[in-house]
């Protein structure tokens, strides 16, 4: 027990402890439920498992007046990240890079309907039209305007 006391008397240890505590705060001051939106929990000690289900997909609109639904369901997602908007933003960026060379593609829309397991009603976590032409960024410490602030 004395070794902890000695450790915390060092300035570096105190600074690291304060930094660690500060990294826990964003999930509490960003609006919405962190377990659902994923915002603010990147560096948090407790990354709540929201036990959510989502159906992320892109809608690709073509010049021929048709649309193609592209599900975004990579097999490597874990429970904790299965509905994280940041992952789907990055996947969408890859599709946008591919689609900019396709003259048939007019626009790409990103949609992430979400719900808690055992709930019937779906809610829109993300709904961005023409996502490839919008400069979407992600902040780990502040709210992201393109993520709906849900409390399920």
N, C-alpha and C. Protein backbone atom coordinates (compact mmCIF):
# COMPACT_ATOMS: atom_id res chain seq x y z
N UNK A 1 0.83 -1.19 0.00
CA UNK A 1 0.00 0.00 0.00
C UNK A 1 0.86 1.25 0.00
N UNK A 2 2.02 1.19 0.65
CA UNK A 2 2.90 2.34 0.70
C UNK A 2 3.47 2.67 -0.68
N UNK A 3 3.68 1.66 -1.52
CA UNK A 3 4.27 1.90 -2.84
C UNK A 3 3.33 2.76 -3.69
N UNK A 4 2.01 2.59 -3.54
CA UNK A 4 1.06 3.44 -4.29
C UNK A 4 1.19 4.89 -3.85
N UNK A 5 1.30 5.07 -2.57
CA UNK A 5 1.44 6.42 -2.03
C UNK A 5 2.70 7.11 -2.53
N UNK A 6 3.79 6.36 -2.57
CA UNK A 6 5.04 6.90 -3.09
C UNK A 6 4.94 7.20 -4.58
N UNK A 7 4.28 6.33 -5.28
CA UNK A 7 4.13 6.51 -6.73
C UNK A 7 3.34 7.78 -7.04
N UNK A 8 2.27 8.02 -6.31
CA UNK A 8 1.42 9.18 -6.58
C UNK A 8 2.04 10.49 -6.13
N UNK A 9 3.13 10.44 -5.41
CA UNK A 9 3.82 11.66 -5.03
C UNK A 9 4.68 12.19 -6.18
N UNK A 10 4.93 11.36 -7.17
CA UNK A 10 5.73 11.78 -8.32
C UNK A 10 4.86 12.60 -9.27
N UNK A 11 5.41 13.67 -9.81
CA UNK A 11 4.68 14.56 -10.72
C UNK A 11 4.19 13.82 -11.97
N UNK A 12 5.02 12.95 -12.52
CA UNK A 12 4.62 12.21 -13.73
C UNK A 12 3.40 11.33 -13.45
N UNK A 13 3.41 10.67 -12.34
CA UNK A 13 2.30 9.80 -11.98
C UNK A 13 1.03 10.62 -11.78
N UNK A 14 1.15 11.77 -11.14
CA UNK A 14 -0.01 12.64 -10.94
C UNK A 14 -0.55 13.14 -12.29
N UNK A 15 0.36 13.52 -13.17
CA UNK A 15 -0.06 14.01 -14.49
C UNK A 15 -0.76 12.90 -15.29
N UNK A 16 -0.22 11.69 -15.23
CA UNK A 16 -0.85 10.57 -15.94
C UNK A 16 -2.23 10.24 -15.35
N UNK A 17 -2.34 10.31 -14.04
CA UNK A 17 -3.63 10.05 -13.40
C UNK A 17 -4.66 11.09 -13.82
N UNK A 18 -4.27 12.35 -13.85
CA UNK A 18 -5.18 13.41 -14.27
C UNK A 18 -5.57 13.22 -15.73
N UNK A 19 -4.61 12.90 -16.58
CA UNK A 19 -4.91 12.64 -17.99
C UNK A 19 -5.88 11.49 -18.14
N UNK A 20 -5.65 10.42 -17.41
CA UNK A 20 -6.53 9.26 -17.45
C UNK A 20 -7.95 9.63 -17.04
N UNK A 21 -8.08 10.41 -15.99
CA UNK A 21 -9.40 10.84 -15.52
C UNK A 21 -10.08 11.72 -16.57
N UNK A 22 -9.33 12.63 -17.16
CA UNK A 22 -9.90 13.52 -18.18
C UNK A 22 -10.39 12.75 -19.40
N UNK A 23 -9.72 11.66 -19.75
CA UNK A 23 -10.13 10.86 -20.90
C UNK A 23 -11.44 10.12 -20.65
N UNK A 24 -11.86 10.04 -19.41
CA UNK A 24 -13.13 9.39 -19.09
C UNK A 24 -14.33 10.33 -19.27
N UNK A 25 -14.08 11.63 -19.35
CA UNK A 25 -15.17 12.62 -19.32
C UNK A 25 -15.95 12.81 -20.61
N UNK A 26 -15.34 12.78 -21.80
CA UNK A 26 -16.11 13.10 -23.00
C UNK A 26 -17.40 12.31 -23.18
N UNK A 27 -17.42 11.05 -22.80
CA UNK A 27 -18.63 10.26 -22.97
C UNK A 27 -19.80 10.79 -22.14
N UNK A 28 -19.50 11.60 -21.13
CA UNK A 28 -20.56 12.13 -20.28
C UNK A 28 -21.05 13.50 -20.71
N UNK A 29 -20.23 14.31 -21.36
CA UNK A 29 -20.67 15.65 -21.74
C UNK A 29 -21.13 15.74 -23.20
N UNK A 30 -20.89 14.71 -24.00
CA UNK A 30 -21.41 14.72 -25.37
C UNK A 30 -22.85 14.25 -25.31
N UNK A 31 -23.77 14.99 -25.93
CA UNK A 31 -25.19 14.60 -25.89
C UNK A 31 -25.41 13.21 -26.49
N UNK A 32 -26.48 12.57 -26.07
CA UNK A 32 -26.80 11.24 -26.56
C UNK A 32 -26.20 10.17 -25.67
N UNK A 33 -26.61 8.97 -25.92
CA UNK A 33 -26.18 7.82 -25.13
C UNK A 33 -24.90 7.24 -25.74
N UNK A 34 -23.79 7.32 -25.02
CA UNK A 34 -22.50 6.90 -25.55
C UNK A 34 -22.49 5.45 -26.00
N UNK A 35 -23.25 4.60 -25.32
CA UNK A 35 -23.30 3.19 -25.70
C UNK A 35 -23.96 3.00 -27.07
N UNK A 36 -24.75 3.98 -27.49
CA UNK A 36 -25.43 3.90 -28.79
C UNK A 36 -24.67 4.67 -29.86
N UNK A 37 -24.29 5.90 -29.55
CA UNK A 37 -23.64 6.75 -30.56
C UNK A 37 -22.16 6.44 -30.72
N UNK A 38 -21.54 5.88 -29.70
CA UNK A 38 -20.11 5.59 -29.75
C UNK A 38 -19.24 6.80 -29.49
N UNK A 39 -19.83 7.97 -29.39
CA UNK A 39 -19.06 9.20 -29.21
C UNK A 39 -18.50 9.32 -27.80
N UNK A 40 -17.27 9.76 -27.71
CA UNK A 40 -16.65 10.05 -26.44
C UNK A 40 -16.11 8.85 -25.69
N UNK A 41 -16.24 7.67 -26.24
CA UNK A 41 -15.80 6.50 -25.47
C UNK A 41 -14.54 5.85 -26.03
N UNK A 42 -13.91 6.49 -26.99
CA UNK A 42 -12.73 5.91 -27.63
C UNK A 42 -11.62 5.63 -26.62
N UNK A 43 -11.37 6.54 -25.71
CA UNK A 43 -10.28 6.39 -24.75
C UNK A 43 -10.78 6.08 -23.34
N UNK A 44 -12.07 5.87 -23.20
CA UNK A 44 -12.64 5.62 -21.88
C UNK A 44 -12.30 4.22 -21.40
N UNK A 45 -12.15 4.09 -20.10
CA UNK A 45 -11.86 2.80 -19.50
C UNK A 45 -13.02 1.83 -19.72
N UNK A 46 -14.22 2.32 -19.52
CA UNK A 46 -15.40 1.48 -19.68
C UNK A 46 -16.06 1.86 -21.01
N UNK A 47 -15.91 0.99 -21.99
CA UNK A 47 -16.58 1.20 -23.27
C UNK A 47 -17.83 0.32 -23.22
N UNK A 48 -18.93 0.91 -22.81
CA UNK A 48 -20.16 0.16 -22.60
C UNK A 48 -20.53 -0.64 -23.83
N UNK A 49 -20.94 -1.88 -23.60
CA UNK A 49 -21.52 -2.66 -24.66
C UNK A 49 -22.99 -2.29 -24.70
N UNK A 50 -23.39 -1.61 -25.76
CA UNK A 50 -24.75 -1.14 -25.85
C UNK A 50 -25.74 -2.23 -26.19
N UNK A 51 -25.25 -3.40 -26.57
CA UNK A 51 -26.12 -4.49 -27.00
C UNK A 51 -27.11 -4.00 -28.05
N UNK A 52 -26.54 -3.33 -29.03
CA UNK A 52 -27.36 -2.77 -30.09
C UNK A 52 -27.31 -3.64 -31.33
N UNK A 53 -28.30 -3.46 -32.16
CA UNK A 53 -28.34 -4.07 -33.48
C UNK A 53 -28.45 -2.93 -34.47
N UNK A 54 -27.79 -3.06 -35.59
CA UNK A 54 -27.91 -2.02 -36.61
C UNK A 54 -27.90 -2.66 -37.98
N UNK A 55 -28.36 -1.90 -38.95
CA UNK A 55 -28.40 -2.35 -40.34
C UNK A 55 -27.75 -1.27 -41.21
N UNK A 56 -26.45 -1.06 -41.05
CA UNK A 56 -25.78 0.00 -41.82
C UNK A 56 -25.74 -0.37 -43.30
N UNK A 57 -26.04 0.62 -44.11
CA UNK A 57 -26.01 0.37 -45.55
C UNK A 57 -25.81 1.67 -46.32
N UNK A 58 -25.33 1.51 -47.51
CA UNK A 58 -25.21 2.64 -48.44
C UNK A 58 -26.26 2.47 -49.51
N UNK A 59 -26.83 3.58 -49.93
CA UNK A 59 -27.72 3.58 -51.08
C UNK A 59 -26.98 4.30 -52.19
N UNK A 60 -26.71 3.58 -53.26
CA UNK A 60 -25.98 4.12 -54.39
C UNK A 60 -26.98 4.44 -55.50
N UNK A 61 -27.11 5.72 -55.80
CA UNK A 61 -28.05 6.19 -56.82
C UNK A 61 -27.31 6.28 -58.15
N UNK A 62 -27.94 5.71 -59.19
CA UNK A 62 -27.32 5.65 -60.51
C UNK A 62 -28.00 6.61 -61.49
N UNK A 63 -27.31 6.94 -62.56
CA UNK A 63 -27.86 7.81 -63.60
C UNK A 63 -29.08 7.19 -64.26
N UNK A 64 -29.17 5.89 -64.26
CA UNK A 64 -30.29 5.18 -64.88
C UNK A 64 -31.55 5.22 -64.01
N UNK A 65 -31.57 6.07 -63.00
CA UNK A 65 -32.71 6.22 -62.08
C UNK A 65 -32.94 4.98 -61.22
N UNK A 66 -31.91 4.16 -61.07
CA UNK A 66 -32.00 2.99 -60.20
C UNK A 66 -31.14 3.23 -58.97
N UNK A 67 -31.39 2.42 -57.95
CA UNK A 67 -30.58 2.51 -56.75
C UNK A 67 -30.13 1.12 -56.35
N UNK A 68 -29.00 1.08 -55.71
CA UNK A 68 -28.43 -0.18 -55.25
C UNK A 68 -28.16 -0.05 -53.75
N UNK A 69 -28.66 -1.01 -52.99
CA UNK A 69 -28.43 -1.04 -51.55
C UNK A 69 -27.19 -1.89 -51.28
N UNK A 70 -26.22 -1.30 -50.60
CA UNK A 70 -24.98 -2.00 -50.29
C UNK A 70 -24.86 -2.12 -48.77
N UNK A 71 -25.07 -3.33 -48.21
CA UNK A 71 -24.94 -3.50 -46.76
C UNK A 71 -23.49 -3.34 -46.33
N UNK A 72 -23.29 -2.70 -45.19
CA UNK A 72 -21.95 -2.52 -44.62
C UNK A 72 -21.83 -3.41 -43.39
N UNK A 73 -21.51 -4.66 -43.60
CA UNK A 73 -21.45 -5.61 -42.49
C UNK A 73 -20.16 -6.43 -42.59
N UNK A 74 -19.04 -5.83 -42.21
CA UNK A 74 -17.80 -6.60 -42.23
C UNK A 74 -17.82 -7.70 -41.17
N UNK A 75 -17.28 -8.86 -41.47
CA UNK A 75 -17.35 -9.98 -40.53
C UNK A 75 -16.43 -9.83 -39.32
N UNK A 76 -15.52 -8.87 -39.34
CA UNK A 76 -14.54 -8.74 -38.26
C UNK A 76 -14.99 -7.83 -37.12
N UNK A 77 -16.22 -7.32 -37.16
CA UNK A 77 -16.67 -6.43 -36.07
C UNK A 77 -16.95 -7.21 -34.80
N UNK A 78 -16.61 -6.60 -33.67
CA UNK A 78 -16.89 -7.18 -32.37
C UNK A 78 -18.16 -6.55 -31.80
N UNK A 79 -18.69 -7.09 -30.73
CA UNK A 79 -19.91 -6.56 -30.11
C UNK A 79 -19.76 -5.08 -29.80
N UNK A 80 -18.62 -4.71 -29.26
CA UNK A 80 -18.40 -3.34 -28.82
C UNK A 80 -18.39 -2.34 -29.98
N UNK A 81 -17.97 -2.78 -31.15
CA UNK A 81 -17.85 -1.87 -32.29
C UNK A 81 -18.83 -2.17 -33.41
N UNK A 82 -19.74 -3.08 -33.18
CA UNK A 82 -20.61 -3.54 -34.27
C UNK A 82 -21.49 -2.45 -34.86
N UNK A 83 -21.78 -1.41 -34.13
CA UNK A 83 -22.62 -0.32 -34.64
C UNK A 83 -21.95 1.04 -34.50
N UNK A 84 -20.64 1.07 -34.41
CA UNK A 84 -19.90 2.32 -34.23
C UNK A 84 -19.89 3.12 -35.53
N UNK A 85 -20.44 4.33 -35.53
CA UNK A 85 -20.51 5.13 -36.75
C UNK A 85 -19.15 5.41 -37.39
N UNK A 86 -18.10 5.50 -36.60
CA UNK A 86 -16.77 5.78 -37.15
C UNK A 86 -16.33 4.68 -38.11
N UNK A 87 -16.60 3.44 -37.78
CA UNK A 87 -16.24 2.33 -38.66
C UNK A 87 -16.96 2.45 -40.00
N UNK A 88 -18.23 2.79 -39.95
CA UNK A 88 -19.00 2.87 -41.19
C UNK A 88 -18.64 4.12 -42.00
N UNK A 89 -18.21 5.17 -41.32
CA UNK A 89 -17.71 6.34 -42.04
C UNK A 89 -16.46 5.96 -42.83
N UNK A 90 -15.56 5.23 -42.21
CA UNK A 90 -14.32 4.83 -42.89
C UNK A 90 -14.62 3.88 -44.05
N UNK A 91 -15.54 2.95 -43.88
CA UNK A 91 -15.92 2.06 -44.98
C UNK A 91 -16.57 2.84 -46.12
N UNK A 92 -17.37 3.84 -45.77
CA UNK A 92 -18.01 4.69 -46.77
C UNK A 92 -16.97 5.47 -47.56
N UNK A 93 -15.95 5.94 -46.88
CA UNK A 93 -14.88 6.67 -47.59
C UNK A 93 -14.23 5.79 -48.65
N UNK A 94 -14.08 4.51 -48.37
CA UNK A 94 -13.51 3.58 -49.36
C UNK A 94 -14.44 3.43 -50.55
N UNK A 95 -15.73 3.33 -50.29
CA UNK A 95 -16.70 3.21 -51.38
C UNK A 95 -16.73 4.51 -52.19
N UNK A 96 -16.63 5.65 -51.52
CA UNK A 96 -16.60 6.93 -52.23
C UNK A 96 -15.39 7.04 -53.15
N UNK A 97 -14.25 6.55 -52.68
CA UNK A 97 -13.05 6.58 -53.51
C UNK A 97 -13.24 5.72 -54.76
N UNK A 98 -13.91 4.61 -54.60
CA UNK A 98 -14.20 3.72 -55.73
C UNK A 98 -15.25 4.35 -56.66
N UNK A 99 -16.29 4.93 -56.09
CA UNK A 99 -17.41 5.42 -56.91
C UNK A 99 -17.11 6.70 -57.67
N UNK A 100 -16.11 7.47 -57.25
CA UNK A 100 -15.81 8.71 -57.96
C UNK A 100 -15.31 8.45 -59.38
N UNK A 101 -14.79 7.25 -59.62
CA UNK A 101 -14.32 6.88 -60.96
C UNK A 101 -15.41 6.22 -61.80
N UNK A 102 -16.57 6.01 -61.21
CA UNK A 102 -17.68 5.39 -61.94
C UNK A 102 -18.66 6.47 -62.40
N UNK A 103 -18.73 6.74 -63.69
CA UNK A 103 -19.60 7.82 -64.18
C UNK A 103 -21.09 7.54 -64.00
N UNK A 104 -21.45 6.31 -63.72
CA UNK A 104 -22.86 5.96 -63.53
C UNK A 104 -23.39 6.37 -62.15
N UNK A 105 -22.50 6.56 -61.19
CA UNK A 105 -22.92 6.87 -59.82
C UNK A 105 -23.21 8.36 -59.68
N UNK A 106 -24.44 8.68 -59.27
CA UNK A 106 -24.82 10.07 -59.02
C UNK A 106 -24.54 10.49 -57.59
N UNK A 107 -24.93 9.64 -56.66
CA UNK A 107 -24.77 10.00 -55.25
C UNK A 107 -24.79 8.74 -54.40
N UNK A 108 -24.18 8.85 -53.21
CA UNK A 108 -24.15 7.75 -52.25
C UNK A 108 -24.68 8.28 -50.92
N UNK A 109 -25.63 7.58 -50.34
CA UNK A 109 -26.22 7.95 -49.05
C UNK A 109 -25.84 6.91 -48.00
N UNK A 110 -25.49 7.38 -46.81
CA UNK A 110 -25.15 6.50 -45.69
C UNK A 110 -26.30 6.50 -44.68
N UNK A 111 -26.76 5.32 -44.32
CA UNK A 111 -27.83 5.18 -43.33
C UNK A 111 -27.45 4.09 -42.33
N UNK A 112 -27.66 4.42 -41.06
CA UNK A 112 -27.43 3.43 -40.01
C UNK A 112 -28.65 3.42 -39.08
N UNK A 113 -29.64 2.58 -39.38
CA UNK A 113 -30.73 2.39 -38.42
C UNK A 113 -30.23 1.53 -37.27
N UNK A 114 -30.67 1.84 -36.06
CA UNK A 114 -30.17 1.15 -34.87
C UNK A 114 -31.29 0.93 -33.87
N UNK A 115 -31.12 -0.09 -33.05
CA UNK A 115 -32.04 -0.36 -31.94
C UNK A 115 -31.32 -1.22 -30.92
N UNK A 116 -31.82 -1.19 -29.70
CA UNK A 116 -31.32 -2.12 -28.70
C UNK A 116 -31.90 -3.49 -29.01
N UNK A 117 -31.16 -4.54 -28.65
CA UNK A 117 -31.69 -5.89 -28.82
C UNK A 117 -32.99 -6.00 -28.06
N UNK A 118 -33.90 -6.73 -28.61
CA UNK A 118 -35.23 -6.97 -28.04
C UNK A 118 -36.16 -5.76 -28.15
N UNK A 119 -35.77 -4.73 -28.86
CA UNK A 119 -36.68 -3.62 -29.14
C UNK A 119 -37.19 -3.78 -30.56
N UNK A 120 -38.39 -3.31 -30.81
CA UNK A 120 -38.94 -3.43 -32.15
C UNK A 120 -38.66 -2.20 -33.01
N UNK A 121 -38.65 -1.03 -32.40
CA UNK A 121 -38.53 0.22 -33.16
C UNK A 121 -37.08 0.54 -33.50
N UNK A 122 -36.87 0.87 -34.78
CA UNK A 122 -35.55 1.29 -35.25
C UNK A 122 -35.46 2.81 -35.21
N UNK A 123 -34.27 3.32 -34.94
CA UNK A 123 -34.02 4.76 -34.91
C UNK A 123 -32.86 5.07 -35.84
N UNK A 124 -32.84 6.26 -36.38
CA UNK A 124 -31.79 6.65 -37.31
C UNK A 124 -30.59 7.22 -36.55
N UNK A 125 -29.51 6.44 -36.49
CA UNK A 125 -28.28 6.91 -35.85
C UNK A 125 -27.53 7.84 -36.80
N UNK A 126 -27.48 7.46 -38.07
CA UNK A 126 -26.84 8.28 -39.10
C UNK A 126 -27.69 8.22 -40.35
N UNK A 127 -27.94 9.38 -40.95
CA UNK A 127 -28.63 9.48 -42.23
C UNK A 127 -28.02 10.66 -42.98
N UNK A 128 -27.05 10.37 -43.84
CA UNK A 128 -26.35 11.42 -44.57
C UNK A 128 -26.55 11.19 -46.06
N UNK A 129 -27.16 12.16 -46.73
CA UNK A 129 -27.32 12.06 -48.17
C UNK A 129 -26.10 12.63 -48.87
N UNK A 130 -25.80 12.06 -50.00
CA UNK A 130 -24.66 12.50 -50.83
C UNK A 130 -23.38 12.58 -49.99
N UNK A 131 -23.11 11.54 -49.26
CA UNK A 131 -22.01 11.50 -48.30
C UNK A 131 -20.64 11.70 -48.94
N UNK A 132 -20.50 11.34 -50.19
CA UNK A 132 -19.19 11.45 -50.84
C UNK A 132 -18.80 12.90 -51.14
N UNK A 133 -19.78 13.78 -51.15
CA UNK A 133 -19.50 15.18 -51.45
C UNK A 133 -19.48 16.05 -50.19
N UNK A 134 -19.58 15.42 -49.03
CA UNK A 134 -19.58 16.17 -47.77
C UNK A 134 -18.32 15.82 -46.99
N UNK A 135 -17.63 16.83 -46.51
CA UNK A 135 -16.39 16.57 -45.76
C UNK A 135 -16.70 16.18 -44.31
N UNK A 136 -17.06 14.93 -44.10
CA UNK A 136 -17.38 14.47 -42.74
C UNK A 136 -16.09 14.14 -42.00
N UNK A 137 -16.00 14.62 -40.79
CA UNK A 137 -14.86 14.32 -39.94
C UNK A 137 -15.38 13.70 -38.65
N UNK A 138 -14.48 13.12 -37.89
CA UNK A 138 -14.86 12.51 -36.63
C UNK A 138 -13.99 13.06 -35.51
N UNK A 139 -14.62 13.48 -34.45
CA UNK A 139 -13.90 13.97 -33.28
C UNK A 139 -14.12 12.99 -32.13
N UNK A 140 -13.04 12.62 -31.48
CA UNK A 140 -13.13 11.74 -30.32
C UNK A 140 -13.58 12.46 -29.06
N UNK A 141 -13.44 13.78 -29.06
CA UNK A 141 -13.68 14.53 -27.83
C UNK A 141 -14.86 15.49 -27.88
N UNK A 142 -15.44 15.69 -29.06
CA UNK A 142 -16.56 16.63 -29.21
C UNK A 142 -17.66 16.00 -30.04
N UNK A 143 -18.89 16.52 -29.95
CA UNK A 143 -19.99 15.95 -30.73
C UNK A 143 -19.72 16.03 -32.24
N UNK A 144 -20.20 15.05 -32.96
CA UNK A 144 -20.10 15.01 -34.41
C UNK A 144 -21.47 15.32 -34.97
N UNK A 145 -21.56 16.34 -35.80
CA UNK A 145 -22.86 16.84 -36.27
C UNK A 145 -23.63 15.79 -37.08
N UNK A 146 -22.98 14.86 -37.69
CA UNK A 146 -23.64 13.90 -38.57
C UNK A 146 -24.17 12.67 -37.85
N UNK A 147 -23.89 12.55 -36.54
CA UNK A 147 -24.41 11.45 -35.73
C UNK A 147 -25.57 11.98 -34.91
N UNK A 148 -26.74 11.35 -35.07
CA UNK A 148 -27.92 11.76 -34.31
C UNK A 148 -27.74 11.40 -32.83
N UNK A 149 -28.10 12.30 -31.97
CA UNK A 149 -27.92 12.12 -30.52
C UNK A 149 -29.10 11.36 -29.96
N UNK A 150 -28.97 10.05 -29.91
CA UNK A 150 -30.07 9.18 -29.50
C UNK A 150 -29.99 8.78 -28.03
N UNK A 151 -31.14 8.66 -27.43
CA UNK A 151 -31.31 8.09 -26.08
C UNK A 151 -32.37 7.00 -26.25
N UNK A 152 -31.93 5.77 -26.39
CA UNK A 152 -32.90 4.67 -26.63
C UNK A 152 -33.49 4.15 -25.35
